[in-house]
Amino acid sequence: MCFGEEFDVPDGYLNTASIGIPSVSAADAVADAVAGWRTGAGRPGEYDEPVMRAREAFADLVGVGATA
């Protein structure tokens, strides 16, 4: 994700601190993953690359190695 993401909330919506509204792209990715899981179409290998990217991003954020 990056700055400039779109959100499906009305203009002036200010309650993101307690609700944590996801961006359109994040919500779409979650919906696609759940649809695959729900219908049995998802395969474990499809999650390897996103999990690796998430681990690397978190490791970079906290200053540790991604394999730790």
N, C-alpha and C. Protein backbone atom coordinates (compact mmCIF):
# COMPACT_ATOMS: atom_id res chain seq x y z
N MET A 1 0.83 -1.17 0.00
CA MET A 1 0.00 0.00 0.00
C MET A 1 0.88 1.24 0.00
N CYS A 2 0.29 2.30 -0.47
CA CYS A 2 1.04 3.55 -0.50
C CYS A 2 0.09 4.71 -0.28
N PHE A 3 0.67 5.87 -0.13
CA PHE A 3 -0.15 7.06 0.03
C PHE A 3 -0.99 7.26 -1.23
N GLY A 4 -2.16 7.84 -1.07
CA GLY A 4 -3.03 8.10 -2.20
C GLY A 4 -4.03 6.99 -2.44
N GLU A 5 -4.13 6.02 -1.53
CA GLU A 5 -5.11 4.95 -1.68
C GLU A 5 -6.52 5.52 -1.60
N GLU A 6 -7.46 4.83 -2.22
CA GLU A 6 -8.86 5.23 -2.16
C GLU A 6 -9.57 4.48 -1.04
N PHE A 7 -10.55 5.14 -0.44
CA PHE A 7 -11.33 4.57 0.64
C PHE A 7 -12.81 4.73 0.33
N ASP A 8 -13.62 3.77 0.75
CA ASP A 8 -15.06 3.81 0.51
C ASP A 8 -15.80 4.40 1.70
N VAL A 9 -15.43 5.58 2.11
CA VAL A 9 -16.13 6.27 3.20
C VAL A 9 -16.58 7.63 2.68
N PRO A 10 -17.63 8.17 3.26
CA PRO A 10 -18.09 9.49 2.81
C PRO A 10 -17.07 10.58 3.15
N ASP A 11 -17.07 11.64 2.37
CA ASP A 11 -16.19 12.79 2.66
C ASP A 11 -16.44 13.26 4.08
N GLY A 12 -15.39 13.58 4.78
CA GLY A 12 -15.51 14.08 6.14
C GLY A 12 -15.56 12.99 7.20
N TYR A 13 -15.46 11.72 6.81
CA TYR A 13 -15.48 10.62 7.77
C TYR A 13 -14.25 10.71 8.66
N LEU A 14 -14.43 10.75 9.97
CA LEU A 14 -13.32 10.96 10.89
C LEU A 14 -13.14 9.86 11.92
N ASN A 15 -13.84 8.75 11.81
CA ASN A 15 -13.78 7.72 12.85
C ASN A 15 -12.81 6.58 12.52
N THR A 16 -11.80 6.83 11.71
CA THR A 16 -10.89 5.75 11.33
C THR A 16 -10.03 5.26 12.49
N ALA A 17 -9.85 6.08 13.51
CA ALA A 17 -9.03 5.65 14.65
C ALA A 17 -9.66 4.48 15.39
N SER A 18 -10.96 4.43 15.48
CA SER A 18 -11.61 3.34 16.22
C SER A 18 -12.09 2.22 15.30
N ILE A 19 -12.33 2.50 14.06
CA ILE A 19 -12.85 1.49 13.14
C ILE A 19 -11.75 0.90 12.27
N GLY A 20 -10.77 1.68 11.87
CA GLY A 20 -9.67 1.17 11.05
C GLY A 20 -10.11 0.79 9.65
N ILE A 21 -10.67 1.72 8.91
CA ILE A 21 -11.19 1.47 7.57
C ILE A 21 -10.06 1.04 6.63
N PRO A 22 -10.23 -0.09 5.93
CA PRO A 22 -9.20 -0.50 4.96
C PRO A 22 -9.36 0.28 3.65
N SER A 23 -8.28 0.37 2.92
CA SER A 23 -8.36 0.99 1.60
C SER A 23 -9.15 0.07 0.67
N VAL A 24 -9.58 0.61 -0.46
CA VAL A 24 -10.32 -0.18 -1.44
C VAL A 24 -9.48 -1.37 -1.89
N SER A 25 -8.21 -1.15 -2.17
CA SER A 25 -7.37 -2.25 -2.67
C SER A 25 -7.16 -3.32 -1.61
N ALA A 26 -7.01 -2.92 -0.34
CA ALA A 26 -6.86 -3.91 0.74
C ALA A 26 -8.15 -4.71 0.92
N ALA A 27 -9.28 -4.02 0.94
CA ALA A 27 -10.57 -4.71 1.11
C ALA A 27 -10.84 -5.65 -0.05
N ASP A 28 -10.50 -5.24 -1.27
CA ASP A 28 -10.68 -6.11 -2.44
C ASP A 28 -9.80 -7.35 -2.34
N ALA A 29 -8.55 -7.18 -1.88
CA ALA A 29 -7.64 -8.32 -1.75
C ALA A 29 -8.16 -9.32 -0.71
N VAL A 30 -8.66 -8.80 0.40
CA VAL A 30 -9.21 -9.68 1.44
C VAL A 30 -10.45 -10.41 0.91
N ALA A 31 -11.34 -9.68 0.23
CA ALA A 31 -12.55 -10.30 -0.33
C ALA A 31 -12.20 -11.40 -1.33
N ASP A 32 -11.20 -11.17 -2.17
CA ASP A 32 -10.77 -12.18 -3.14
C ASP A 32 -10.21 -13.41 -2.43
N ALA A 33 -9.41 -13.19 -1.40
CA ALA A 33 -8.82 -14.31 -0.66
C ALA A 33 -9.91 -15.13 0.03
N VAL A 34 -10.87 -14.45 0.63
CA VAL A 34 -11.96 -15.16 1.32
C VAL A 34 -12.81 -15.92 0.31
N ALA A 35 -13.08 -15.34 -0.84
CA ALA A 35 -13.86 -16.02 -1.86
C ALA A 35 -13.16 -17.31 -2.31
N GLY A 36 -11.85 -17.25 -2.50
CA GLY A 36 -11.10 -18.44 -2.87
C GLY A 36 -11.12 -19.49 -1.78
N TRP A 37 -11.00 -19.05 -0.54
CA TRP A 37 -11.04 -19.95 0.62
C TRP A 37 -12.42 -20.58 0.73
N ARG A 38 -13.45 -19.77 0.61
CA ARG A 38 -14.83 -20.23 0.77
C ARG A 38 -15.21 -21.26 -0.27
N THR A 39 -14.73 -21.10 -1.49
CA THR A 39 -15.11 -22.00 -2.58
C THR A 39 -14.13 -23.14 -2.80
N GLY A 40 -13.06 -23.17 -2.02
CA GLY A 40 -12.06 -24.22 -2.18
C GLY A 40 -11.14 -23.99 -3.35
N ALA A 41 -11.17 -22.79 -3.93
CA ALA A 41 -10.33 -22.49 -5.10
C ALA A 41 -8.93 -22.04 -4.70
N GLY A 42 -8.77 -21.55 -3.47
CA GLY A 42 -7.46 -21.08 -3.03
C GLY A 42 -6.51 -22.23 -2.80
N ARG A 43 -5.25 -22.00 -3.09
CA ARG A 43 -4.21 -23.00 -2.89
C ARG A 43 -3.13 -22.43 -1.98
N PRO A 44 -2.59 -23.24 -1.07
CA PRO A 44 -1.60 -22.73 -0.12
C PRO A 44 -0.45 -21.97 -0.76
N GLY A 45 0.05 -22.44 -1.86
CA GLY A 45 1.18 -21.78 -2.52
C GLY A 45 0.90 -20.36 -2.96
N GLU A 46 -0.38 -20.04 -3.15
CA GLU A 46 -0.74 -18.69 -3.58
C GLU A 46 -0.45 -17.66 -2.49
N TYR A 47 -0.29 -18.11 -1.26
CA TYR A 47 -0.06 -17.20 -0.15
C TYR A 47 1.42 -17.03 0.18
N ASP A 48 2.29 -17.82 -0.43
CA ASP A 48 3.71 -17.74 -0.11
C ASP A 48 4.29 -16.36 -0.39
N GLU A 49 4.05 -15.82 -1.57
CA GLU A 49 4.63 -14.53 -1.94
C GLU A 49 4.06 -13.39 -1.09
N PRO A 50 2.74 -13.30 -0.89
CA PRO A 50 2.24 -12.22 -0.01
C PRO A 50 2.74 -12.33 1.43
N VAL A 51 2.85 -13.55 1.95
CA VAL A 51 3.36 -13.73 3.31
C VAL A 51 4.82 -13.30 3.38
N MET A 52 5.61 -13.67 2.39
CA MET A 52 7.02 -13.28 2.35
C MET A 52 7.14 -11.75 2.30
N ARG A 53 6.34 -11.09 1.48
CA ARG A 53 6.39 -9.63 1.39
C ARG A 53 6.00 -8.99 2.72
N ALA A 54 4.98 -9.53 3.37
CA ALA A 54 4.55 -8.99 4.66
C ALA A 54 5.64 -9.16 5.71
N ARG A 55 6.27 -10.33 5.74
CA ARG A 55 7.36 -10.56 6.70
C ARG A 55 8.52 -9.61 6.46
N GLU A 56 8.88 -9.43 5.20
CA GLU A 56 9.98 -8.52 4.88
C GLU A 56 9.65 -7.08 5.26
N ALA A 57 8.41 -6.67 5.00
CA ALA A 57 8.01 -5.30 5.34
C ALA A 57 8.01 -5.09 6.85
N PHE A 58 7.51 -6.07 7.60
CA PHE A 58 7.50 -5.94 9.07
C PHE A 58 8.93 -5.96 9.61
N ALA A 59 9.76 -6.85 9.08
CA ALA A 59 11.14 -6.92 9.53
C ALA A 59 11.86 -5.60 9.28
N ASP A 60 11.61 -5.00 8.13
CA ASP A 60 12.21 -3.71 7.82
C ASP A 60 11.71 -2.64 8.78
N LEU A 61 10.44 -2.69 9.10
CA LEU A 61 9.84 -1.72 10.01
C LEU A 61 10.45 -1.77 11.40
N VAL A 62 10.68 -2.98 11.91
CA VAL A 62 11.19 -3.10 13.27
C VAL A 62 12.70 -3.32 13.33
N GLY A 63 13.36 -3.42 12.19
CA GLY A 63 14.81 -3.49 12.16
C GLY A 63 15.39 -4.85 12.48
N VAL A 64 14.74 -5.91 12.03
CA VAL A 64 15.26 -7.27 12.22
C VAL A 64 15.28 -7.97 10.87
N GLY A 65 15.87 -9.15 10.84
CA GLY A 65 15.88 -9.94 9.63
C GLY A 65 14.52 -10.59 9.39
N ALA A 66 14.17 -10.79 8.14
CA ALA A 66 12.87 -11.36 7.79
C ALA A 66 12.77 -12.83 8.16
N THR A 67 13.89 -13.51 8.34
CA THR A 67 13.84 -14.94 8.68
C THR A 67 13.92 -15.19 10.16
N ALA A 68 14.05 -14.13 10.96
CA ALA A 68 14.17 -14.29 12.41
C ALA A 68 12.88 -14.74 13.04
